[in-house]
C-alpha atoms as a PDB file:
ATOM      1  CA  UNK A   1       0.000   0.000   0.000  1.00  0.00           C
ATOM      2  CA  UNK A   2       0.980   3.625  -0.074  1.00  0.00           C
ATOM      3  CA  UNK A   3       2.494   5.240   2.992  1.00  0.00           C
ATOM      4  CA  UNK A   4       2.726   8.922   3.732  1.00  0.00           C
ATOM      5  CA  UNK A   5       1.506   9.996   0.323  1.00  0.00           C
ATOM      6  CA  UNK A   6      -1.698  11.953  -0.190  1.00  0.00           C
ATOM      7  CA  UNK A   7      -4.249   9.676  -1.877  1.00  0.00           C
ATOM      8  CA  UNK A   8      -7.229  11.158  -3.695  1.00  0.00           C
ATOM      9  CA  UNK A   9      -9.983   9.666  -5.840  1.00  0.00           C
ATOM     10  CA  UNK A  10     -11.078  12.333  -8.285  1.00  0.00           C
ATOM     11  CA  UNK A  11     -13.214  12.796 -11.384  1.00  0.00           C
ATOM     12  CA  UNK A  12     -11.049  13.386 -14.414  1.00  0.00           C
ATOM     13  CA  UNK A  13     -11.304  14.162 -18.109  1.00  0.00           C
ATOM     14  CA  UNK A  14      -8.486  12.735 -20.176  1.00  0.00           C
ATOM     15  CA  UNK A  15      -7.851  14.638 -23.398  1.00  0.00           C
ATOM     16  CA  UNK A  16      -6.065  13.263 -26.466  1.00  0.00           C
ATOM     17  CA  UNK A  17      -2.701  14.727 -25.395  1.00  0.00           C
ATOM     18  CA  UNK A  18      -2.899  13.184 -21.927  1.00  0.00           C
ATOM     19  CA  UNK A  19      -4.094   9.857 -23.362  1.00  0.00           C
ATOM     20  CA  UNK A  20      -1.109   9.833 -25.722  1.00  0.00           C
ATOM     21  CA  UNK A  21       1.214  10.477 -22.777  1.00  0.00           C
ATOM     22  CA  UNK A  22      -0.343   7.559 -20.843  1.00  0.00           C
ATOM     23  CA  UNK A  23       0.072   5.295 -23.893  1.00  0.00           C
ATOM     24  CA  UNK A  24       3.748   6.290 -24.119  1.00  0.00           C
ATOM     25  CA  UNK A  25       4.146   5.171 -20.477  1.00  0.00           C
ATOM     26  CA  UNK A  26       2.734   1.722 -21.323  1.00  0.00           C
ATOM     27  CA  UNK A  27      -0.979   2.143 -20.573  1.00  0.00           C
ATOM     28  CA  UNK A  28      -3.210  -0.055 -22.768  1.00  0.00           C
ATOM     29  CA  UNK A  29      -6.503   1.834 -23.103  1.00  0.00           C
ATOM     30  CA  UNK A  30      -7.171   5.108 -24.893  1.00  0.00           C
ATOM     31  CA  UNK A  31      -8.643   6.982 -21.928  1.00  0.00           C
ATOM     32  CA  UNK A  32      -9.704   9.961 -24.077  1.00  0.00           C
ATOM     33  CA  UNK A  33     -12.499   7.796 -25.506  1.00  0.00           C
ATOM     34  CA  UNK A  34     -15.480   6.907 -23.357  1.00  0.00           C
ATOM     35  CA  UNK A  35     -17.389   3.654 -23.529  1.00  0.00           C
ATOM     36  CA  UNK A  36     -19.231   3.263 -26.804  1.00  0.00           C
ATOM     37  CA  UNK A  37     -22.317   1.384 -25.621  1.00  0.00           C
ATOM     38  CA  UNK A  38     -23.695   3.346 -22.712  1.00  0.00           C
ATOM     39  CA  UNK A  39     -27.137   2.500 -21.407  1.00  0.00           C
ATOM     40  CA  UNK A  40     -27.721   5.841 -19.694  1.00  0.00           C
ATOM     41  CA  UNK A  41     -25.130   7.824 -21.699  1.00  0.00           C
ATOM     42  CA  UNK A  42     -23.502   8.789 -18.433  1.00  0.00           C
ATOM     43  CA  UNK A  43     -20.152   7.172 -17.794  1.00  0.00           C
ATOM     44  CA  UNK A  44     -17.975   8.525 -15.006  1.00  0.00           C
ATOM     45  CA  UNK A  45     -14.180   8.500 -15.106  1.00  0.00           C
ATOM     46  CA  UNK A  46     -12.313   8.435 -11.797  1.00  0.00           C
ATOM     47  CA  UNK A  47      -8.599   8.386 -11.064  1.00  0.00           C
ATOM     48  CA  UNK A  48      -6.583   7.369  -8.048  1.00  0.00           C
ATOM     49  CA  UNK A  49      -4.004  10.083  -7.528  1.00  0.00           C
ATOM     50  CA  UNK A  50      -1.064   9.683  -5.182  1.00  0.00           C
ATOM     51  CA  UNK A  51       0.828  12.919  -4.659  1.00  0.00           C
ATOM     52  CA  UNK A  52      -0.902  14.287  -7.775  1.00  0.00           C
ATOM     53  CA  UNK A  53       0.133  11.469 -10.119  1.00  0.00           C
ATOM     54  CA  UNK A  54      -2.417   9.181 -11.829  1.00  0.00           C
ATOM     55  CA  UNK A  55      -1.891   5.665 -10.469  1.00  0.00           C
ATOM     56  CA  UNK A  56      -5.075   4.075 -11.842  1.00  0.00           C
ATOM     57  CA  UNK A  57      -8.251   4.865 -13.760  1.00  0.00           C
ATOM     58  CA  UNK A  58     -11.747   3.393 -13.842  1.00  0.00           C
ATOM     59  CA  UNK A  59     -14.695   4.227 -16.067  1.00  0.00           C
ATOM     60  CA  UNK A  60     -18.094   3.157 -14.804  1.00  0.00           C
ATOM     61  CA  UNK A  61     -21.794   3.780 -15.257  1.00  0.00           C
ATOM     62  CA  UNK A  62     -24.656   3.548 -12.765  1.00  0.00           C
ATOM     63  CA  UNK A  63     -27.506   1.580 -14.350  1.00  0.00           C
ATOM     64  CA  UNK A  64     -30.394   2.334 -12.026  1.00  0.00           C
ATOM     65  CA  UNK A  65     -33.087   0.609 -14.091  1.00  0.00           C
ATOM     66  CA  UNK A  66     -31.257  -2.707 -13.555  1.00  0.00           C
ATOM     67  CA  UNK A  67     -29.808  -1.885 -10.095  1.00  0.00           C
ATOM     68  CA  UNK A  68     -26.092  -2.304 -10.698  1.00  0.00           C
ATOM     69  CA  UNK A  69     -22.976  -0.387 -11.638  1.00  0.00           C
ATOM     70  CA  UNK A  70     -21.144  -1.438 -14.783  1.00  0.00           C
ATOM     71  CA  UNK A  71     -17.373  -0.924 -14.819  1.00  0.00           C
ATOM     72  CA  UNK A  72     -16.411  -0.366 -18.459  1.00  0.00           C
ATOM     73  CA  UNK A  73     -12.637  -0.089 -18.075  1.00  0.00           C
ATOM     74  CA  UNK A  74     -10.091  -0.365 -15.297  1.00  0.00           C
ATOM     75  CA  UNK A  75      -6.354   0.100 -15.636  1.00  0.00           C
ATOM     76  CA  UNK A  76      -3.470   0.793 -13.316  1.00  0.00           C
ATOM     77  CA  UNK A  77      -0.201   2.485 -14.157  1.00  0.00           C
ATOM     78  CA  UNK A  78       2.288  -0.091 -15.470  1.00  0.00           C
ATOM     79  CA  UNK A  79       4.670   0.735 -12.602  1.00  0.00           C
ATOM     80  CA  UNK A  80       2.006  -0.619 -10.210  1.00  0.00           C
ATOM     81  CA  UNK A  81       1.980  -4.075 -11.827  1.00  0.00           C
ATOM     82  CA  UNK A  82       4.064  -7.156 -11.113  1.00  0.00           C
ATOM     83  CA  UNK A  83       6.420  -7.967  -8.286  1.00  0.00           C
ATOM     84  CA  UNK A  84       8.309  -4.652  -8.218  1.00  0.00           C
ATOM     85  CA  UNK A  85       5.251  -2.397  -8.209  1.00  0.00           C
ATOM     86  CA  UNK A  86       5.546   1.117  -6.850  1.00  0.00           C
ATOM     87  CA  UNK A  87       2.125   1.098  -5.122  1.00  0.00           C
ATOM     88  CA  UNK A  88       0.121  -1.951  -4.107  1.00  0.00           C
ATOM     89  CA  UNK A  89      -3.675  -2.147  -4.039  1.00  0.00           C
ATOM     90  CA  UNK A  90      -4.588   0.456  -6.664  1.00  0.00           C
ATOM     91  CA  UNK A  91      -6.974  -1.871  -8.549  1.00  0.00           C
ATOM     92  CA  UNK A  92      -8.572  -2.863  -5.238  1.00  0.00           C
ATOM     93  CA  UNK A  93      -9.079   0.794  -4.332  1.00  0.00           C
ATOM     94  CA  UNK A  94     -10.756   1.483  -7.684  1.00  0.00           C
ATOM     95  CA  UNK A  95     -13.011  -1.573  -7.435  1.00  0.00           C
ATOM     96  CA  UNK A  96     -13.902  -0.736  -3.827  1.00  0.00           C
ATOM     97  CA  UNK A  97     -14.706   2.837  -4.846  1.00  0.00           C
ATOM     98  CA  UNK A  98     -17.124   1.624  -7.532  1.00  0.00           C
ATOM     99  CA  UNK A  99     -18.668  -0.824  -5.029  1.00  0.00           C
ATOM    100  CA  UNK A 100     -19.148   2.160  -2.690  1.00  0.00           C
ATOM    101  CA  UNK A 101     -20.798   4.102  -5.523  1.00  0.00           C
ATOM    102  CA  UNK A 102     -23.148   1.143  -6.056  1.00  0.00           C
ATOM    103  CA  UNK A 103     -24.322   1.342  -2.438  1.00  0.00           C
ATOM    104  CA  UNK A 104     -24.651   5.143  -2.581  1.00  0.00           C
ATOM    105  CA  UNK A 105     -26.723   4.821  -5.782  1.00  0.00           C
ATOM    106  CA  UNK A 106     -29.118   2.292  -4.231  1.00  0.00           C
ATOM    107  CA  UNK A 107     -27.762  -0.716  -6.157  1.00  0.00           C
ATOM    108  CA  UNK A 108     -26.893  -2.743  -3.013  1.00  0.00           C
ATOM    109  CA  UNK A 109     -23.221  -3.057  -3.950  1.00  0.00           C
ATOM    110  CA  UNK A 110     -23.820  -4.884  -7.227  1.00  0.00           C
ATOM    111  CA  UNK A 111     -21.039  -4.233  -9.749  1.00  0.00           C
ATOM    112  CA  UNK A 112     -20.651  -5.959 -13.125  1.00  0.00           C
ATOM    113  CA  UNK A 113     -17.614  -5.956 -15.406  1.00  0.00           C
ATOM    114  CA  UNK A 114     -15.973  -7.933 -18.190  1.00  0.00           C
ATOM    115  CA  UNK A 115     -12.550  -9.295 -17.345  1.00  0.00           C
ATOM    116  CA  UNK A 116      -9.550  -9.734 -19.575  1.00  0.00           C
ATOM    117  CA  UNK A 117      -9.011 -13.484 -20.025  1.00  0.00           C
ATOM    118  CA  UNK A 118      -5.714 -13.527 -18.133  1.00  0.00           C
ATOM    119  CA  UNK A 119      -7.244 -11.696 -15.128  1.00  0.00           C
ATOM    120  CA  UNK A 120     -10.472 -13.724 -14.883  1.00  0.00           C
ATOM    121  CA  UNK A 121      -9.300 -16.064 -12.111  1.00  0.00           C
ATOM    122  CA  UNK A 122      -7.341 -13.282 -10.411  1.00  0.00           C
ATOM    123  CA  UNK A 123     -10.451 -11.116  -9.934  1.00  0.00           C
ATOM    124  CA  UNK A 124     -12.234 -14.056  -8.363  1.00  0.00           C
ATOM    125  CA  UNK A 125      -9.371 -15.104  -6.072  1.00  0.00           C
ATOM    126  CA  UNK A 126      -8.092 -11.647  -5.118  1.00  0.00           C
ATOM    127  CA  UNK A 127     -11.308  -9.627  -4.909  1.00  0.00           C
ATOM    128  CA  UNK A 128     -14.175 -12.106  -4.530  1.00  0.00           C
ATOM    129  CA  UNK A 129     -15.784 -11.560  -7.941  1.00  0.00           C
ATOM    130  CA  UNK A 130     -18.266 -14.193  -9.072  1.00  0.00           C
ATOM    131  CA  UNK A 131     -18.823 -15.435 -12.644  1.00  0.00           C
ATOM    132  CA  UNK A 132     -21.965 -14.565 -14.577  1.00  0.00           C
ATOM    133  CA  UNK A 133     -21.072 -16.101 -17.938  1.00  0.00           C
ATOM    134  CA  UNK A 134     -18.322 -15.769 -20.489  1.00  0.00           C
ATOM    135  CA  UNK A 135     -15.766 -13.331 -19.108  1.00  0.00           C
ATOM    136  CA  UNK A 136     -18.426 -11.342 -17.257  1.00  0.00           C
ATOM    137  CA  UNK A 137     -17.992 -11.133 -13.480  1.00  0.00           C
ATOM    138  CA  UNK A 138     -19.836  -9.388 -10.665  1.00  0.00           C
ATOM    139  CA  UNK A 139     -19.546  -8.325  -7.060  1.00  0.00           C
ATOM    140  CA  UNK A 140     -22.612  -8.954  -4.935  1.00  0.00           C
ATOM    141  CA  UNK A 141     -23.459  -7.132  -1.698  1.00  0.00           C
ATOM    142  CA  UNK A 142     -21.134  -9.228   0.491  1.00  0.00           C
ATOM    143  CA  UNK A 143     -18.183  -9.049  -1.925  1.00  0.00           C
ATOM    144  CA  UNK A 144     -18.590  -5.273  -2.251  1.00  0.00           C
ATOM    145  CA  UNK A 145     -18.739  -4.820   1.516  1.00  0.00           C
ATOM    146  CA  UNK A 146     -15.533  -6.844   1.832  1.00  0.00           C
ATOM    147  CA  UNK A 147     -13.796  -4.732  -0.851  1.00  0.00           C
ATOM    148  CA  UNK A 148     -14.837  -1.489   0.831  1.00  0.00           C
ATOM    149  CA  UNK A 149     -13.699  -2.688   4.260  1.00  0.00           C
ATOM    150  CA  UNK A 150     -10.352  -3.876   2.941  1.00  0.00           C
ATOM    151  CA  UNK A 151      -9.454  -1.018   0.605  1.00  0.00           C
ATOM    152  CA  UNK A 152     -11.316   2.090   1.812  1.00  0.00           C
ATOM    153  CA  UNK A 153     -12.379   1.907   5.458  1.00  0.00           C
ATOM    154  CA  UNK A 154      -9.862   3.439   7.830  1.00  0.00           C
ATOM    155  CA  UNK A 155      -7.697   4.802   5.023  1.00  0.00           C
ATOM    156  CA  UNK A 156      -6.943   8.475   4.550  1.00  0.00           C
ATOM    157  CA  UNK A 157      -8.537   9.002   1.162  1.00  0.00           C
ATOM    158  CA  UNK A 158      -9.855  12.298  -0.109  1.00  0.00           C
ATOM    159  CA  UNK A 159     -12.866  11.995  -2.440  1.00  0.00           C
ATOM    160  CA  UNK A 160     -13.409  14.724  -5.033  1.00  0.00           C
END
């Protein structure tokens, strides 16, 4: 985890120039483009910032008519991956944040997302996600509560 640094979860807009800079640092997604198939046409982009630097991004959408939050994309800075990562737990923080948003929105903690093939088992083992079908996974109420307790509760996080 991070120690001593100022951690914030903030809404962000990533323009083409910033997206190009992220790509040059090894990020996979083009974060200047939002999800193409929005149900409510209202995706939200949040970043985990540590000391002002983007450490991870998540794009999600609250789907009230079906009572869940759909996470379209999640990515962490390449220097936070693997054994020699700079900061641990960034993906967990982002997933816990979206689980929190699900509760706040009245969706009882339900979060749905589509996993990359190589991360499918990892999301289940590390975070408690449950399969729906294909590569689609979800967090139910209990899994979301566990995520929030592990990654958000008791931590000094500023929400903006």
